[in-house]
Amino acid sequence: MSEDELIARVSQAGQKVVGTKQTLKALEKGEAVMVLLAKDAEEKISAPVAALAENKGVKVHYIETMSELGKICGIKVKAAAAAIIEF
């Protein structure tokens, strides 16, 4: 999936959560269908999310920066992680 396609899917998502804690919760509950992680997020923040997503069989897409991820998710602040709950 190209970055443009990914951005379009995220912006059109029916429901999403933004932030590491919310993303981890969505993964634990089995609600997340896709996870987005910022490449420039600290390892200690992104590693648990990536590991849980892999464990749950949820595809992880990487976005270049936290600023870009926040913008894609429609918020005005940086974000390390986000999850799509439904498309």
C-alpha atoms as a PDB file:
ATOM      1  CA  MET A   1       0.000   0.000   0.000  1.00  0.00           C
ATOM      2  CA  SER A   2       1.444   3.376  -0.970  1.00  0.00           C
ATOM      3  CA  GLU A   3       1.675   6.183   1.559  1.00  0.00           C
ATOM      4  CA  ASP A   4      -1.051   8.128  -0.298  1.00  0.00           C
ATOM      5  CA  GLU A   5      -3.401   5.119  -0.144  1.00  0.00           C
ATOM      6  CA  LEU A   6      -2.600   4.693   3.543  1.00  0.00           C
ATOM      7  CA  ILE A   7      -3.328   8.358   4.273  1.00  0.00           C
ATOM      8  CA  ALA A   8      -6.637   8.114   2.409  1.00  0.00           C
ATOM      9  CA  ARG A   9      -7.673   4.982   4.316  1.00  0.00           C
ATOM     10  CA  VAL A  10      -6.797   6.505   7.686  1.00  0.00           C
ATOM     11  CA  SER A  11      -8.600   9.770   6.980  1.00  0.00           C
ATOM     12  CA  GLN A  12     -11.709   7.850   5.837  1.00  0.00           C
ATOM     13  CA  ALA A  13     -11.633   5.384   8.751  1.00  0.00           C
ATOM     14  CA  GLY A  14     -14.906   5.066  10.584  1.00  0.00           C
ATOM     15  CA  GLN A  15     -13.246   4.860  13.965  1.00  0.00           C
ATOM     16  CA  LYS A  16      -9.661   5.283  15.123  1.00  0.00           C
ATOM     17  CA  VAL A  17      -7.745   5.861  18.321  1.00  0.00           C
ATOM     18  CA  VAL A  18      -4.644   8.003  18.652  1.00  0.00           C
ATOM     19  CA  GLY A  19      -1.913   7.625  21.245  1.00  0.00           C
ATOM     20  CA  THR A  20       0.142   4.778  22.602  1.00  0.00           C
ATOM     21  CA  LYS A  21      -2.114   3.901  25.552  1.00  0.00           C
ATOM     22  CA  GLN A  22      -5.277   3.918  23.434  1.00  0.00           C
ATOM     23  CA  THR A  23      -3.575   1.874  20.706  1.00  0.00           C
ATOM     24  CA  LEU A  24      -2.405  -0.735  23.224  1.00  0.00           C
ATOM     25  CA  LYS A  25      -5.941  -0.916  24.688  1.00  0.00           C
ATOM     26  CA  ALA A  26      -7.467  -1.409  21.241  1.00  0.00           C
ATOM     27  CA  LEU A  27      -4.969  -4.182  20.488  1.00  0.00           C
ATOM     28  CA  GLU A  28      -5.568  -5.909  23.835  1.00  0.00           C
ATOM     29  CA  LYS A  29      -9.337  -5.859  23.254  1.00  0.00           C
ATOM     30  CA  GLY A  30      -8.889  -7.222  19.720  1.00  0.00           C
ATOM     31  CA  GLU A  31     -10.513  -4.133  18.195  1.00  0.00           C
ATOM     32  CA  ALA A  32      -7.594  -2.821  16.114  1.00  0.00           C
ATOM     33  CA  VAL A  33      -7.522  -3.780  12.427  1.00  0.00           C
ATOM     34  CA  MET A  34      -4.426  -1.700  11.551  1.00  0.00           C
ATOM     35  CA  VAL A  35      -1.724   0.018  13.585  1.00  0.00           C
ATOM     36  CA  LEU A  36       0.294   3.072  12.597  1.00  0.00           C
ATOM     37  CA  LEU A  37       3.620   3.856  14.243  1.00  0.00           C
ATOM     38  CA  ALA A  38       5.908   6.848  13.799  1.00  0.00           C
ATOM     39  CA  LYS A  39       9.455   5.893  12.823  1.00  0.00           C
ATOM     40  CA  ASP A  40      10.891   8.686  14.967  1.00  0.00           C
ATOM     41  CA  ALA A  41       9.058   7.639  18.147  1.00  0.00           C
ATOM     42  CA  GLU A  42      11.228   6.417  21.004  1.00  0.00           C
ATOM     43  CA  GLU A  43      11.910   2.683  20.921  1.00  0.00           C
ATOM     44  CA  LYS A  44      10.573   2.222  24.466  1.00  0.00           C
ATOM     45  CA  ILE A  45       7.233   3.622  23.289  1.00  0.00           C
ATOM     46  CA  SER A  46       6.889   1.967  19.892  1.00  0.00           C
ATOM     47  CA  ALA A  47       8.386  -1.471  20.663  1.00  0.00           C
ATOM     48  CA  PRO A  48       5.555  -2.681  22.966  1.00  0.00           C
ATOM     49  CA  VAL A  49       2.945  -1.568  20.421  1.00  0.00           C
ATOM     50  CA  ALA A  50       4.739  -3.294  17.532  1.00  0.00           C
ATOM     51  CA  ALA A  51       5.214  -6.477  19.576  1.00  0.00           C
ATOM     52  CA  LEU A  52       1.560  -6.666  20.649  1.00  0.00           C
ATOM     53  CA  ALA A  53       0.356  -5.941  17.112  1.00  0.00           C
ATOM     54  CA  GLU A  54       2.536  -8.751  15.759  1.00  0.00           C
ATOM     55  CA  ASN A  55       1.298 -11.069  18.511  1.00  0.00           C
ATOM     56  CA  LYS A  56      -2.331 -10.255  17.610  1.00  0.00           C
ATOM     57  CA  GLY A  57      -1.708 -10.552  13.855  1.00  0.00           C
ATOM     58  CA  VAL A  58      -2.423  -6.881  13.169  1.00  0.00           C
ATOM     59  CA  LYS A  59      -0.506  -5.213  10.326  1.00  0.00           C
ATOM     60  CA  VAL A  60       1.732  -2.299  11.329  1.00  0.00           C
ATOM     61  CA  HIS A  61       2.363   0.584   8.947  1.00  0.00           C
ATOM     62  CA  TYR A  62       5.196   2.992   9.640  1.00  0.00           C
ATOM     63  CA  ILE A  63       4.905   6.742   9.104  1.00  0.00           C
ATOM     64  CA  GLU A  64       8.080   8.864   8.845  1.00  0.00           C
ATOM     65  CA  THR A  65       7.464  11.290  11.724  1.00  0.00           C
ATOM     66  CA  MET A  66       5.259  11.765  14.756  1.00  0.00           C
ATOM     67  CA  SER A  67       4.153  15.135  13.342  1.00  0.00           C
ATOM     68  CA  GLU A  68       3.047  13.485  10.110  1.00  0.00           C
ATOM     69  CA  LEU A  69       1.174  10.749  11.986  1.00  0.00           C
ATOM     70  CA  GLY A  70      -0.666  13.356  14.055  1.00  0.00           C
ATOM     71  CA  LYS A  71      -1.596  15.249  10.902  1.00  0.00           C
ATOM     72  CA  ILE A  72      -2.809  12.062   9.169  1.00  0.00           C
ATOM     73  CA  CYS A  73      -4.981  11.288  12.190  1.00  0.00           C
ATOM     74  CA  GLY A  74      -6.494  14.767  12.121  1.00  0.00           C
ATOM     75  CA  ILE A  75      -4.970  16.090  15.342  1.00  0.00           C
ATOM     76  CA  LYS A  76      -2.798  19.172  15.829  1.00  0.00           C
ATOM     77  CA  VAL A  77      -0.144  17.480  17.993  1.00  0.00           C
ATOM     78  CA  LYS A  78       2.415  14.763  17.406  1.00  0.00           C
ATOM     79  CA  ALA A  79       1.447  11.097  17.814  1.00  0.00           C
ATOM     80  CA  ALA A  80       3.678   8.062  18.277  1.00  0.00           C
ATOM     81  CA  ALA A  81       0.961   5.481  17.598  1.00  0.00           C
ATOM     82  CA  ALA A  82      -2.569   5.126  16.293  1.00  0.00           C
ATOM     83  CA  ALA A  83      -4.950   2.287  15.534  1.00  0.00           C
ATOM     84  CA  ILE A  84      -7.791   1.929  13.077  1.00  0.00           C
ATOM     85  CA  ILE A  85     -10.777   0.273  14.724  1.00  0.00           C
ATOM     86  CA  GLU A  86     -12.993   0.091  11.649  1.00  0.00           C
ATOM     87  CA  PHE A  87     -12.848   1.308   8.061  1.00  0.00           C
END
